[in-house]
Amino acid sequence: MRIEGLMIDMDGTVYKGGNVIPGAPEFIGYLKDKGIPFVFLTNNSAYPRRHYLEKLQRMGFQVDMDNVLTSTVATIRFILDQRPGSKVYPIASPGVMGDLEESGIDIVDDDPDIVLLTFDRTIDYDKINKGYRFIKNGAELIATHPDDLCPTEDDYDVDIGPFIRMFEGLCDVKATVIGKPNALMLRMAASEMGIDPDGAVMVGDRLYTDMEMAVRAGTGSILVLTGETSKDDLERSGMHPTWVLDSVADIPALIEGARNQM
């Protein structure tokens, strides 16, 4: 399995909440020193892209905007490309609303073609009711990602997965979900890195998003055990990542070992 570039999850993989995973900044430094391309991928759509860039930089990661791809950015690209001219009602936080407005998407508060569900920490009953009525009247439900939980420093918060299922059940529809495990995210990341998708390896802590995306795309994967998935979870899942490591701090040794065998 060749490693031409790495797609790297954030929460649970290089940090957890506000805490850096030990050795993670050094791992990114190694990739930069070796000229190995990488893109951080996050399904978390609670904040704008710049938020994640600045968070990584504050934590000591040597990255720029080209190294960050969020599910919101991927969803914006999907809507502009696949649903051109659509009117969109977003369920989104103020910061993410800024990204959406800057993108050129037609944002409306009534009679939308699309209800866009993001990880909105400001969600309220009014937004839920509006979304329900719009979808019931024929609007398409598009969600940035399917995650049920979002990691915090010492626990997990409810993410948008339960809200997706709520709207699907109430309105008898199936959501279009853009983020991981949709292989679209992988192809976008490979394009950003300028590599063939077959040589892109996914690094993450979740089976049903990170590892599942690699399975769907037929690419390599590295499961790290610093986040949601334990060894017991992996054994029960029946999934077989290409590599299983304690943390991203072990990836440089993996890459060096692979190079020595070539």
C-alpha atoms as a PDB file:
ATOM      1  CA  MET A   1       0.000   0.000   0.000  1.00  0.00           C
ATOM      2  CA  ARG A   2       1.637   3.233  -1.128  1.00  0.00           C
ATOM      3  CA  ILE A   3       1.326   6.483   0.826  1.00  0.00           C
ATOM      4  CA  GLU A   4       1.357   9.479  -1.522  1.00  0.00           C
ATOM      5  CA  GLY A   5      -0.513  11.815   0.810  1.00  0.00           C
ATOM      6  CA  LEU A   6      -2.420  11.774   4.080  1.00  0.00           C
ATOM      7  CA  MET A   7      -5.954  12.896   4.883  1.00  0.00           C
ATOM      8  CA  ILE A   8      -5.975  13.539   8.617  1.00  0.00           C
ATOM      9  CA  ASP A   9      -8.994  13.788  10.881  1.00  0.00           C
ATOM     10  CA  MET A  10      -8.831  16.410  13.656  1.00  0.00           C
ATOM     11  CA  ASP A  11     -10.965  15.754  16.751  1.00  0.00           C
ATOM     12  CA  GLY A  12      -9.780  12.578  18.443  1.00  0.00           C
ATOM     13  CA  THR A  13      -6.858  12.239  16.041  1.00  0.00           C
ATOM     14  CA  VAL A  14      -4.496  15.219  16.482  1.00  0.00           C
ATOM     15  CA  TYR A  15      -6.388  16.882  19.322  1.00  0.00           C
ATOM     16  CA  LYS A  16      -9.325  16.158  21.578  1.00  0.00           C
ATOM     17  CA  GLY A  17     -11.375  19.242  22.356  1.00  0.00           C
ATOM     18  CA  GLY A  18      -8.748  21.765  23.427  1.00  0.00           C
ATOM     19  CA  ASN A  19      -5.993  19.264  24.194  1.00  0.00           C
ATOM     20  CA  VAL A  20      -3.251  18.324  21.730  1.00  0.00           C
ATOM     21  CA  ILE A  21      -2.566  14.615  21.227  1.00  0.00           C
ATOM     22  CA  PRO A  22       1.063  14.130  22.349  1.00  0.00           C
ATOM     23  CA  GLY A  23       3.425  13.989  19.369  1.00  0.00           C
ATOM     24  CA  ALA A  24       0.859  15.263  16.861  1.00  0.00           C
ATOM     25  CA  PRO A  25       2.582  18.596  16.010  1.00  0.00           C
ATOM     26  CA  GLU A  26       5.865  16.739  15.554  1.00  0.00           C
ATOM     27  CA  PHE A  27       4.105  14.294  13.217  1.00  0.00           C
ATOM     28  CA  ILE A  28       2.976  17.194  11.026  1.00  0.00           C
ATOM     29  CA  GLY A  29       6.489  18.632  11.158  1.00  0.00           C
ATOM     30  CA  TYR A  30       7.801  15.298   9.900  1.00  0.00           C
ATOM     31  CA  LEU A  31       5.378  15.343   6.937  1.00  0.00           C
ATOM     32  CA  LYS A  32       6.461  18.863   6.008  1.00  0.00           C
ATOM     33  CA  ASP A  33      10.159  17.972   6.301  1.00  0.00           C
ATOM     34  CA  LYS A  34       9.676  14.936   4.045  1.00  0.00           C
ATOM     35  CA  GLY A  35       7.509  16.800   1.540  1.00  0.00           C
ATOM     36  CA  ILE A  36       4.569  14.448   2.076  1.00  0.00           C
ATOM     37  CA  PRO A  37       1.323  16.274   1.240  1.00  0.00           C
ATOM     38  CA  PHE A  38      -1.487  16.288   3.786  1.00  0.00           C
ATOM     39  CA  VAL A  39      -4.932  17.773   4.325  1.00  0.00           C
ATOM     40  CA  PHE A  40      -6.814  17.984   7.585  1.00  0.00           C
ATOM     41  CA  LEU A  41     -10.393  16.789   7.178  1.00  0.00           C
ATOM     42  CA  THR A  42     -13.089  17.505   9.714  1.00  0.00           C
ATOM     43  CA  ASN A  43     -16.756  16.655   9.692  1.00  0.00           C
ATOM     44  CA  ASN A  44     -17.319  19.281  12.390  1.00  0.00           C
ATOM     45  CA  SER A  45     -19.386  22.049  10.807  1.00  0.00           C
ATOM     46  CA  ALA A  46     -19.935  24.100  13.953  1.00  0.00           C
ATOM     47  CA  TYR A  47     -17.406  26.767  12.958  1.00  0.00           C
ATOM     48  CA  PRO A  48     -16.018  28.393   9.792  1.00  0.00           C
ATOM     49  CA  ARG A  49     -12.907  27.014   8.093  1.00  0.00           C
ATOM     50  CA  ARG A  50     -10.690  29.770   9.509  1.00  0.00           C
ATOM     51  CA  HIS A  51     -11.612  28.716  13.050  1.00  0.00           C
ATOM     52  CA  TYR A  52     -10.034  25.295  12.534  1.00  0.00           C
ATOM     53  CA  LEU A  53      -6.965  26.763  10.860  1.00  0.00           C
ATOM     54  CA  GLU A  54      -6.388  29.165  13.751  1.00  0.00           C
ATOM     55  CA  LYS A  55      -7.019  26.425  16.327  1.00  0.00           C
ATOM     56  CA  LEU A  56      -4.417  24.185  14.703  1.00  0.00           C
ATOM     57  CA  GLN A  57      -1.923  27.033  14.517  1.00  0.00           C
ATOM     58  CA  ARG A  58      -2.465  27.949  18.198  1.00  0.00           C
ATOM     59  CA  MET A  59      -1.782  24.320  19.102  1.00  0.00           C
ATOM     60  CA  GLY A  60       1.573  24.418  17.341  1.00  0.00           C
ATOM     61  CA  PHE A  61       0.722  22.842  13.976  1.00  0.00           C
ATOM     62  CA  GLN A  62       2.544  24.334  10.970  1.00  0.00           C
ATOM     63  CA  VAL A  63      -0.390  24.618   8.569  1.00  0.00           C
ATOM     64  CA  ASP A  64      -2.120  27.072   6.251  1.00  0.00           C
ATOM     65  CA  MET A  65      -5.616  27.299   4.782  1.00  0.00           C
ATOM     66  CA  ASP A  66      -4.793  24.873   1.957  1.00  0.00           C
ATOM     67  CA  ASN A  67      -4.205  22.190   4.607  1.00  0.00           C
ATOM     68  CA  VAL A  68      -7.775  22.389   5.965  1.00  0.00           C
ATOM     69  CA  LEU A  69     -10.938  20.968   4.371  1.00  0.00           C
ATOM     70  CA  THR A  70     -14.173  21.009   6.360  1.00  0.00           C
ATOM     71  CA  SER A  71     -17.469  19.284   5.636  1.00  0.00           C
ATOM     72  CA  THR A  72     -18.996  22.749   5.243  1.00  0.00           C
ATOM     73  CA  VAL A  73     -16.530  23.658   2.478  1.00  0.00           C
ATOM     74  CA  ALA A  74     -17.169  20.308   0.777  1.00  0.00           C
ATOM     75  CA  THR A  75     -20.924  20.850   1.005  1.00  0.00           C
ATOM     76  CA  ILE A  76     -20.677  24.367  -0.415  1.00  0.00           C
ATOM     77  CA  ARG A  77     -18.727  22.996  -3.371  1.00  0.00           C
ATOM     78  CA  PHE A  78     -21.272  20.218  -3.854  1.00  0.00           C
ATOM     79  CA  ILE A  79     -24.233  22.612  -3.873  1.00  0.00           C
ATOM     80  CA  LEU A  80     -22.577  25.070  -6.251  1.00  0.00           C
ATOM     81  CA  ASP A  81     -21.557  22.252  -8.599  1.00  0.00           C
ATOM     82  CA  GLN A  82     -24.466  19.816  -8.339  1.00  0.00           C
ATOM     83  CA  ARG A  83     -27.365  22.098  -7.325  1.00  0.00           C
ATOM     84  CA  PRO A  84     -26.531  25.365  -9.140  1.00  0.00           C
ATOM     85  CA  GLY A  85     -29.004  28.187  -8.586  1.00  0.00           C
ATOM     86  CA  SER A  86     -30.693  26.499  -5.622  1.00  0.00           C
ATOM     87  CA  LYS A  87     -32.174  28.564  -2.808  1.00  0.00           C
ATOM     88  CA  VAL A  88     -30.846  27.342   0.533  1.00  0.00           C
ATOM     89  CA  TYR A  89     -32.211  27.632   4.083  1.00  0.00           C
ATOM     90  CA  PRO A  90     -29.251  26.892   6.405  1.00  0.00           C
ATOM     91  CA  ILE A  91     -29.530  25.608   9.944  1.00  0.00           C
ATOM     92  CA  ALA A  92     -26.134  26.935  10.938  1.00  0.00           C
ATOM     93  CA  SER A  93     -24.221  28.983  13.492  1.00  0.00           C
ATOM     94  CA  PRO A  94     -23.461  32.681  12.766  1.00  0.00           C
ATOM     95  CA  GLY A  95     -19.827  31.957  11.847  1.00  0.00           C
ATOM     96  CA  VAL A  96     -20.755  29.251   9.361  1.00  0.00           C
ATOM     97  CA  MET A  97     -23.475  31.527   7.957  1.00  0.00           C
ATOM     98  CA  GLY A  98     -20.645  33.910   7.049  1.00  0.00           C
ATOM     99  CA  ASP A  99     -18.865  31.196   5.050  1.00  0.00           C
ATOM    100  CA  LEU A 100     -22.112  30.315   3.265  1.00  0.00           C
ATOM    101  CA  GLU A 101     -22.904  33.919   2.381  1.00  0.00           C
ATOM    102  CA  GLU A 102     -19.368  34.537   1.073  1.00  0.00           C
ATOM    103  CA  SER A 103     -19.611  31.441  -1.133  1.00  0.00           C
ATOM    104  CA  GLY A 104     -22.295  32.966  -3.344  1.00  0.00           C
ATOM    105  CA  ILE A 105     -24.967  30.434  -2.399  1.00  0.00           C
ATOM    106  CA  ASP A 106     -28.470  31.953  -2.522  1.00  0.00           C
ATOM    107  CA  ILE A 107     -29.453  32.070   1.169  1.00  0.00           C
ATOM    108  CA  VAL A 108     -33.175  32.441   1.885  1.00  0.00           C
ATOM    109  CA  ASP A 109     -35.480  32.353   4.902  1.00  0.00           C
ATOM    110  CA  ASP A 110     -38.553  31.114   3.023  1.00  0.00           C
ATOM    111  CA  ASP A 111     -39.475  28.700   0.207  1.00  0.00           C
ATOM    112  CA  PRO A 112     -36.017  27.072  -0.192  1.00  0.00           C
ATOM    113  CA  ASP A 113     -35.006  24.314  -2.586  1.00  0.00           C
ATOM    114  CA  ILE A 114     -32.613  22.938   0.046  1.00  0.00           C
ATOM    115  CA  VAL A 115     -32.558  22.761   3.841  1.00  0.00           C
ATOM    116  CA  LEU A 116     -28.883  22.621   4.790  1.00  0.00           C
ATOM    117  CA  LEU A 117     -28.244  21.034   8.191  1.00  0.00           C
ATOM    118  CA  THR A 118     -24.903  21.750   9.861  1.00  0.00           C
ATOM    119  CA  PHE A 119     -23.650  21.243  13.430  1.00  0.00           C
ATOM    120  CA  ASP A 120     -25.494  24.267  14.789  1.00  0.00           C
ATOM    121  CA  ARG A 121     -24.890  24.928  18.484  1.00  0.00           C
ATOM    122  CA  THR A 122     -27.430  27.777  18.235  1.00  0.00           C
ATOM    123  CA  ILE A 123     -30.215  25.506  16.961  1.00  0.00           C
ATOM    124  CA  ASP A 124     -33.631  26.205  18.481  1.00  0.00           C
ATOM    125  CA  TYR A 125     -37.254  25.169  18.117  1.00  0.00           C
ATOM    126  CA  ASP A 126     -37.929  27.834  15.484  1.00  0.00           C
ATOM    127  CA  LYS A 127     -35.126  26.558  13.219  1.00  0.00           C
ATOM    128  CA  ILE A 128     -36.254  22.958  13.682  1.00  0.00           C
ATOM    129  CA  ASN A 129     -39.854  23.815  12.850  1.00  0.00           C
ATOM    130  CA  LYS A 130     -38.894  25.829   9.772  1.00  0.00           C
ATOM    131  CA  GLY A 131     -36.661  23.037   8.524  1.00  0.00           C
ATOM    132  CA  TYR A 132     -39.415  20.484   9.082  1.00  0.00           C
ATOM    133  CA  ARG A 133     -42.011  22.524   7.186  1.00  0.00           C
ATOM    134  CA  PHE A 134     -39.687  23.283   4.265  1.00  0.00           C
ATOM    135  CA  ILE A 135     -38.677  19.626   3.874  1.00  0.00           C
ATOM    136  CA  LYS A 136     -42.282  18.481   4.222  1.00  0.00           C
ATOM    137  CA  ASN A 137     -43.163  20.890   1.401  1.00  0.00           C
ATOM    138  CA  GLY A 138     -40.544  19.428  -0.936  1.00  0.00           C
ATOM    139  CA  ALA A 139     -37.161  20.965  -0.060  1.00  0.00           C
ATOM    140  CA  GLU A 140     -34.180  18.602  -0.260  1.00  0.00           C
ATOM    141  CA  LEU A 141     -32.430  17.811   3.019  1.00  0.00           C
ATOM    142  CA  ILE A 142     -28.645  18.114   2.707  1.00  0.00           C
ATOM    143  CA  ALA A 143     -26.419  17.552   5.760  1.00  0.00           C
ATOM    144  CA  THR A 144     -22.741  18.340   6.101  1.00  0.00           C
ATOM    145  CA  HIS A 145     -21.922  15.068   7.907  1.00  0.00           C
ATOM    146  CA  PRO A 146     -23.549  12.121   9.736  1.00  0.00           C
ATOM    147  CA  ASP A 147     -21.737  12.102  13.103  1.00  0.00           C
ATOM    148  CA  ASP A 148     -23.811  11.299  16.186  1.00  0.00           C
ATOM    149  CA  LEU A 149     -21.264  12.663  18.666  1.00  0.00           C
ATOM    150  CA  CYS A 150     -18.604  15.381  18.715  1.00  0.00           C
ATOM    151  CA  PRO A 151     -15.551  14.965  20.998  1.00  0.00           C
ATOM    152  CA  THR A 152     -14.894  17.510  23.751  1.00  0.00           C
ATOM    153  CA  GLU A 153     -11.937  17.712  26.153  1.00  0.00           C
ATOM    154  CA  ASP A 154     -13.372  15.095  28.524  1.00  0.00           C
ATOM    155  CA  ASP A 155     -16.616  13.797  26.968  1.00  0.00           C
ATOM    156  CA  TYR A 156     -18.822  14.005  23.860  1.00  0.00           C
ATOM    157  CA  ASP A 157     -21.574  16.382  22.715  1.00  0.00           C
ATOM    158  CA  VAL A 158     -24.608  15.401  20.648  1.00  0.00           C
ATOM    159  CA  ASP A 159     -23.831  16.086  16.961  1.00  0.00           C
ATOM    160  CA  ILE A 160     -26.225  16.293  13.988  1.00  0.00           C
ATOM    161  CA  GLY A 161     -26.798  12.584  13.310  1.00  0.00           C
ATOM    162  CA  PRO A 162     -29.895  12.443  15.554  1.00  0.00           C
ATOM    163  CA  PHE A 163     -31.281  15.573  13.861  1.00  0.00           C
ATOM    164  CA  ILE A 164     -30.811  13.988  10.422  1.00  0.00           C
ATOM    165  CA  ARG A 165     -32.785  10.950  11.534  1.00  0.00           C
ATOM    166  CA  MET A 166     -35.451  13.168  13.092  1.00  0.00           C
ATOM    167  CA  PHE A 167     -36.057  15.085   9.842  1.00  0.00           C
ATOM    168  CA  GLU A 168     -35.879  11.882   7.771  1.00  0.00           C
ATOM    169  CA  GLY A 169     -38.438  10.189   9.995  1.00  0.00           C
ATOM    170  CA  LEU A 170     -40.801  13.141  10.240  1.00  0.00           C
ATOM    171  CA  CYS A 171     -40.743  13.935   6.528  1.00  0.00           C
ATOM    172  CA  ASP A 172     -40.196  10.462   5.043  1.00  0.00           C
ATOM    173  CA  VAL A 173     -37.094  11.562   3.115  1.00  0.00           C
ATOM    174  CA  LYS A 174     -33.467  10.485   2.812  1.00  0.00           C
ATOM    175  CA  ALA A 175     -30.818  13.114   3.472  1.00  0.00           C
ATOM    176  CA  THR A 176     -27.943  13.774   1.086  1.00  0.00           C
ATOM    177  CA  VAL A 177     -24.900  13.624   3.388  1.00  0.00           C
ATOM    178  CA  ILE A 178     -21.661  15.140   2.060  1.00  0.00           C
ATOM    179  CA  GLY A 179     -18.993  14.636   4.735  1.00  0.00           C
ATOM    180  CA  LYS A 180     -17.171  11.480   5.737  1.00  0.00           C
ATOM    181  CA  PRO A 181     -17.827   8.619   4.962  1.00  0.00           C
ATOM    182  CA  ASN A 182     -18.863  10.013   1.556  1.00  0.00           C
ATOM    183  CA  ALA A 183     -15.892   9.352  -0.739  1.00  0.00           C
ATOM    184  CA  LEU A 184     -16.490  12.809  -2.225  1.00  0.00           C
ATOM    185  CA  MET A 185     -14.500  14.267   0.689  1.00  0.00           C
ATOM    186  CA  LEU A 186     -11.595  11.954  -0.109  1.00  0.00           C
ATOM    187  CA  ARG A 187     -11.574  12.917  -3.774  1.00  0.00           C
ATOM    188  CA  MET A 188     -11.677  16.622  -2.892  1.00  0.00           C
ATOM    189  CA  ALA A 189      -8.774  16.180  -0.476  1.00  0.00           C
ATOM    190  CA  ALA A 190      -6.725  14.258  -3.047  1.00  0.00           C
ATOM    191  CA  SER A 191      -7.352  17.042  -5.562  1.00  0.00           C
ATOM    192  CA  GLU A 192      -6.201  19.647  -3.025  1.00  0.00           C
ATOM    193  CA  MET A 193      -2.986  17.649  -2.490  1.00  0.00           C
ATOM    194  CA  GLY A 194      -2.449  17.082  -6.212  1.00  0.00           C
ATOM    195  CA  ILE A 195      -2.283  13.307  -5.902  1.00  0.00           C
ATOM    196  CA  ASP A 196      -4.140  10.294  -7.266  1.00  0.00           C
ATOM    197  CA  PRO A 197      -6.984   9.331  -4.870  1.00  0.00           C
ATOM    198  CA  ASP A 198      -5.656   5.743  -4.881  1.00  0.00           C
ATOM    199  CA  GLY A 199      -2.527   6.940  -3.093  1.00  0.00           C
ATOM    200  CA  ALA A 200      -4.374   8.922  -0.415  1.00  0.00           C
ATOM    201  CA  VAL A 201      -4.418   7.329   3.040  1.00  0.00           C
ATOM    202  CA  MET A 202      -7.056   8.284   5.622  1.00  0.00           C
ATOM    203  CA  VAL A 203      -5.922   8.800   9.221  1.00  0.00           C
ATOM    204  CA  GLY A 204      -8.621   8.942  11.887  1.00  0.00           C
ATOM    205  CA  ASP A 205     -10.177   7.617  15.069  1.00  0.00           C
ATOM    206  CA  ARG A 206     -13.692   6.712  13.919  1.00  0.00           C
ATOM    207  CA  LEU A 207     -14.816   3.520  12.241  1.00  0.00           C
ATOM    208  CA  TYR A 208     -18.113   4.702  10.753  1.00  0.00           C
ATOM    209  CA  THR A 209     -16.731   7.884   9.172  1.00  0.00           C
ATOM    210  CA  ASP A 210     -12.932   7.865   8.763  1.00  0.00           C
ATOM    211  CA  MET A 211     -12.386   4.146   8.164  1.00  0.00           C
ATOM    212  CA  GLU A 212     -15.653   3.681   6.279  1.00  0.00           C
ATOM    213  CA  MET A 213     -14.715   6.454   3.837  1.00  0.00           C
ATOM    214  CA  ALA A 214     -11.435   4.681   3.056  1.00  0.00           C
ATOM    215  CA  VAL A 215     -13.333   1.416   2.522  1.00  0.00           C
ATOM    216  CA  ARG A 216     -15.801   3.067   0.132  1.00  0.00           C
ATOM    217  CA  ALA A 217     -12.997   4.727  -1.813  1.00  0.00           C
ATOM    218  CA  GLY A 218     -10.763   1.644  -1.854  1.00  0.00           C
ATOM    219  CA  THR A 219      -7.803   3.455  -0.290  1.00  0.00           C
ATOM    220  CA  GLY A 220      -5.478   2.832   2.622  1.00  0.00           C
ATOM    221  CA  SER A 221      -6.373   3.726   6.190  1.00  0.00           C
ATOM    222  CA  ILE A 222      -4.711   4.272   9.541  1.00  0.00           C
ATOM    223  CA  LEU A 223      -6.889   3.898  12.641  1.00  0.00           C
ATOM    224  CA  VAL A 224      -5.523   5.646  15.734  1.00  0.00           C
ATOM    225  CA  LEU A 225      -6.743   4.716  19.206  1.00  0.00           C
ATOM    226  CA  THR A 226      -6.663   8.196  20.745  1.00  0.00           C
ATOM    227  CA  GLY A 227     -10.324   9.018  20.148  1.00  0.00           C
ATOM    228  CA  GLU A 228     -13.676   7.289  19.878  1.00  0.00           C
ATOM    229  CA  THR A 229     -12.608   3.761  18.859  1.00  0.00           C
ATOM    230  CA  SER A 230     -11.105   1.253  21.276  1.00  0.00           C
ATOM    231  CA  LYS A 231      -9.492  -2.086  20.422  1.00  0.00           C
ATOM    232  CA  ASP A 232     -12.658  -3.824  21.615  1.00  0.00           C
ATOM    233  CA  ASP A 233     -14.784  -1.617  19.337  1.00  0.00           C
ATOM    234  CA  LEU A 234     -12.554  -2.531  16.397  1.00  0.00           C
ATOM    235  CA  GLU A 235     -12.762  -6.263  17.117  1.00  0.00           C
ATOM    236  CA  ARG A 236     -16.555  -6.139  17.320  1.00  0.00           C
ATOM    237  CA  SER A 237     -16.879  -4.063  14.137  1.00  0.00           C
ATOM    238  CA  GLY A 238     -15.484  -6.569  11.677  1.00  0.00           C
ATOM    239  CA  MET A 239     -13.617  -3.730   9.922  1.00  0.00           C
ATOM    240  CA  HIS A 240      -9.987  -4.110   8.901  1.00  0.00           C
ATOM    241  CA  PRO A 241      -8.063  -0.827   8.616  1.00  0.00           C
ATOM    242  CA  THR A 242      -4.783  -1.103   6.737  1.00  0.00           C
ATOM    243  CA  TRP A 243      -2.901  -0.130   9.909  1.00  0.00           C
ATOM    244  CA  VAL A 244      -3.896   0.298  13.566  1.00  0.00           C
ATOM    245  CA  LEU A 245      -1.648   2.525  15.684  1.00  0.00           C
ATOM    246  CA  ASP A 246      -1.768   3.924  19.199  1.00  0.00           C
ATOM    247  CA  SER A 247      -1.535   7.503  17.895  1.00  0.00           C
ATOM    248  CA  VAL A 248      -0.386   9.683  15.005  1.00  0.00           C
ATOM    249  CA  ALA A 249       2.969   9.945  16.781  1.00  0.00           C
ATOM    250  CA  ASP A 250       3.652   6.413  15.486  1.00  0.00           C
ATOM    251  CA  ILE A 251       3.056   7.257  11.800  1.00  0.00           C
ATOM    252  CA  PRO A 252       6.574   8.532  10.977  1.00  0.00           C
ATOM    253  CA  ALA A 253       8.039   5.165  12.031  1.00  0.00           C
ATOM    254  CA  LEU A 254       5.416   3.417   9.872  1.00  0.00           C
ATOM    255  CA  ILE A 255       6.323   5.514   6.837  1.00  0.00           C
ATOM    256  CA  GLU A 256      10.055   5.052   7.348  1.00  0.00           C
ATOM    257  CA  GLY A 257       9.574   1.303   7.717  1.00  0.00           C
ATOM    258  CA  ALA A 258       7.569   1.165   4.513  1.00  0.00           C
ATOM    259  CA  ARG A 259      10.243   3.119   2.650  1.00  0.00           C
ATOM    260  CA  ASN A 260      12.986   0.815   3.908  1.00  0.00           C
ATOM    261  CA  GLN A 261      11.100  -2.189   2.541  1.00  0.00           C
ATOM    262  CA  MET A 262      10.841  -0.686  -0.969  1.00  0.00           C
END
